[in-house]
């Protein structure tokens, strides 16, 4: 498949994680995003077995309102 048709999952992960934290924590989040293994889709799950997952962030999420700001939190994260 041509690269122009592939989604940039790293950017997608960063955008979704940015929506999961209040704006006042965005500078801290930028530091954390630099160390998260966003390109590694091989994760060690319970029992020690390593699996390759399609997405590191589960597609479903929920919304929460904090101090008049709505954040969107993914139900699951699969970072190793």
C-alpha atoms as a PDB file:
ATOM      1  CA  UNK A   1       0.000   0.000   0.000  1.00  0.00           C
ATOM      2  CA  UNK A   2       1.258   3.486  -0.762  1.00  0.00           C
ATOM      3  CA  UNK A   3       2.376   5.502   2.258  1.00  0.00           C
ATOM      4  CA  UNK A   4       0.094   8.391   1.294  1.00  0.00           C
ATOM      5  CA  UNK A   5      -2.909   6.197   2.121  1.00  0.00           C
ATOM      6  CA  UNK A   6      -1.590   5.084   5.492  1.00  0.00           C
ATOM      7  CA  UNK A   7      -2.623   6.995   8.578  1.00  0.00           C
ATOM      8  CA  UNK A   8       0.132   8.402  10.722  1.00  0.00           C
ATOM      9  CA  UNK A   9      -0.680   6.486  13.888  1.00  0.00           C
ATOM     10  CA  UNK A  10       1.897   8.338  15.982  1.00  0.00           C
ATOM     11  CA  UNK A  11       0.171  11.655  15.273  1.00  0.00           C
ATOM     12  CA  UNK A  12      -3.213  10.081  15.904  1.00  0.00           C
ATOM     13  CA  UNK A  13      -2.019   8.740  19.279  1.00  0.00           C
ATOM     14  CA  UNK A  14      -0.593  12.123  20.252  1.00  0.00           C
ATOM     15  CA  UNK A  15      -3.856  13.879  19.363  1.00  0.00           C
ATOM     16  CA  UNK A  16      -5.974  11.411  21.302  1.00  0.00           C
ATOM     17  CA  UNK A  17      -3.732  11.603  24.353  1.00  0.00           C
ATOM     18  CA  UNK A  18      -3.757  15.413  24.217  1.00  0.00           C
ATOM     19  CA  UNK A  19      -7.559  15.318  24.437  1.00  0.00           C
ATOM     20  CA  UNK A  20      -7.335  13.087  27.526  1.00  0.00           C
ATOM     21  CA  UNK A  21      -5.698  15.717  29.726  1.00  0.00           C
ATOM     22  CA  UNK A  22      -6.715  19.230  30.776  1.00  0.00           C
ATOM     23  CA  UNK A  23      -5.028  22.130  28.982  1.00  0.00           C
ATOM     24  CA  UNK A  24      -3.113  23.041  32.143  1.00  0.00           C
ATOM     25  CA  UNK A  25      -1.203  19.723  31.839  1.00  0.00           C
ATOM     26  CA  UNK A  26      -0.320  19.970  28.141  1.00  0.00           C
ATOM     27  CA  UNK A  27       3.296  21.031  28.743  1.00  0.00           C
ATOM     28  CA  UNK A  28       3.797  17.980  30.992  1.00  0.00           C
ATOM     29  CA  UNK A  29       2.110  15.767  28.412  1.00  0.00           C
ATOM     30  CA  UNK A  30       4.544  16.914  25.710  1.00  0.00           C
ATOM     31  CA  UNK A  31       7.427  15.648  27.848  1.00  0.00           C
ATOM     32  CA  UNK A  32       5.711  12.290  28.423  1.00  0.00           C
ATOM     33  CA  UNK A  33       4.872  11.879  24.718  1.00  0.00           C
ATOM     34  CA  UNK A  34       8.588  12.051  23.908  1.00  0.00           C
ATOM     35  CA  UNK A  35       9.276   8.893  25.939  1.00  0.00           C
ATOM     36  CA  UNK A  36       6.181   6.807  25.121  1.00  0.00           C
ATOM     37  CA  UNK A  37       6.889   3.990  22.634  1.00  0.00           C
ATOM     38  CA  UNK A  38       4.260   5.177  20.127  1.00  0.00           C
ATOM     39  CA  UNK A  39       5.788   3.255  17.201  1.00  0.00           C
ATOM     40  CA  UNK A  40       6.154  -0.073  19.027  1.00  0.00           C
ATOM     41  CA  UNK A  41       3.037  -2.186  18.519  1.00  0.00           C
ATOM     42  CA  UNK A  42       4.489  -5.197  20.300  1.00  0.00           C
ATOM     43  CA  UNK A  43       3.351  -5.207  23.903  1.00  0.00           C
ATOM     44  CA  UNK A  44       3.823  -7.639  26.741  1.00  0.00           C
ATOM     45  CA  UNK A  45       0.447  -8.517  28.209  1.00  0.00           C
ATOM     46  CA  UNK A  46      -0.497 -10.399  31.342  1.00  0.00           C
ATOM     47  CA  UNK A  47       1.342 -13.700  31.491  1.00  0.00           C
ATOM     48  CA  UNK A  48       4.448 -12.331  29.803  1.00  0.00           C
ATOM     49  CA  UNK A  49       3.494 -13.225  26.244  1.00  0.00           C
ATOM     50  CA  UNK A  50       4.275 -10.579  23.622  1.00  0.00           C
ATOM     51  CA  UNK A  51       1.499  -9.623  21.217  1.00  0.00           C
ATOM     52  CA  UNK A  52       1.404  -7.282  18.260  1.00  0.00           C
ATOM     53  CA  UNK A  53      -1.637  -5.000  18.474  1.00  0.00           C
ATOM     54  CA  UNK A  54      -3.248  -3.024  15.649  1.00  0.00           C
ATOM     55  CA  UNK A  55      -3.645   0.053  17.796  1.00  0.00           C
ATOM     56  CA  UNK A  56      -2.028   1.135  21.054  1.00  0.00           C
ATOM     57  CA  UNK A  57      -5.132   3.080  22.048  1.00  0.00           C
ATOM     58  CA  UNK A  58      -8.500   1.355  22.211  1.00  0.00           C
ATOM     59  CA  UNK A  59     -11.098   2.935  19.932  1.00  0.00           C
ATOM     60  CA  UNK A  60     -13.758   3.529  22.628  1.00  0.00           C
ATOM     61  CA  UNK A  61     -13.482   6.397  25.070  1.00  0.00           C
ATOM     62  CA  UNK A  62     -15.550   8.394  27.513  1.00  0.00           C
ATOM     63  CA  UNK A  63     -15.937  12.097  28.159  1.00  0.00           C
ATOM     64  CA  UNK A  64     -15.468  13.805  31.481  1.00  0.00           C
ATOM     65  CA  UNK A  65     -15.997  17.449  32.368  1.00  0.00           C
ATOM     66  CA  UNK A  66     -13.432  19.034  34.685  1.00  0.00           C
ATOM     67  CA  UNK A  67     -13.606  22.734  35.573  1.00  0.00           C
ATOM     68  CA  UNK A  68     -15.712  23.579  32.482  1.00  0.00           C
ATOM     69  CA  UNK A  69     -13.330  21.645  30.230  1.00  0.00           C
ATOM     70  CA  UNK A  70     -14.309  18.374  28.567  1.00  0.00           C
ATOM     71  CA  UNK A  71     -11.616  15.738  28.248  1.00  0.00           C
ATOM     72  CA  UNK A  72     -11.897  12.496  26.268  1.00  0.00           C
ATOM     73  CA  UNK A  73     -10.265   9.514  27.944  1.00  0.00           C
ATOM     74  CA  UNK A  74      -9.570   6.275  26.033  1.00  0.00           C
ATOM     75  CA  UNK A  75     -10.922   3.151  27.744  1.00  0.00           C
ATOM     76  CA  UNK A  76      -7.653   1.254  27.294  1.00  0.00           C
ATOM     77  CA  UNK A  77      -4.003   1.917  26.475  1.00  0.00           C
ATOM     78  CA  UNK A  78      -1.621  -0.797  25.323  1.00  0.00           C
ATOM     79  CA  UNK A  79       1.793   0.782  25.839  1.00  0.00           C
ATOM     80  CA  UNK A  80       4.499  -1.646  26.904  1.00  0.00           C
END
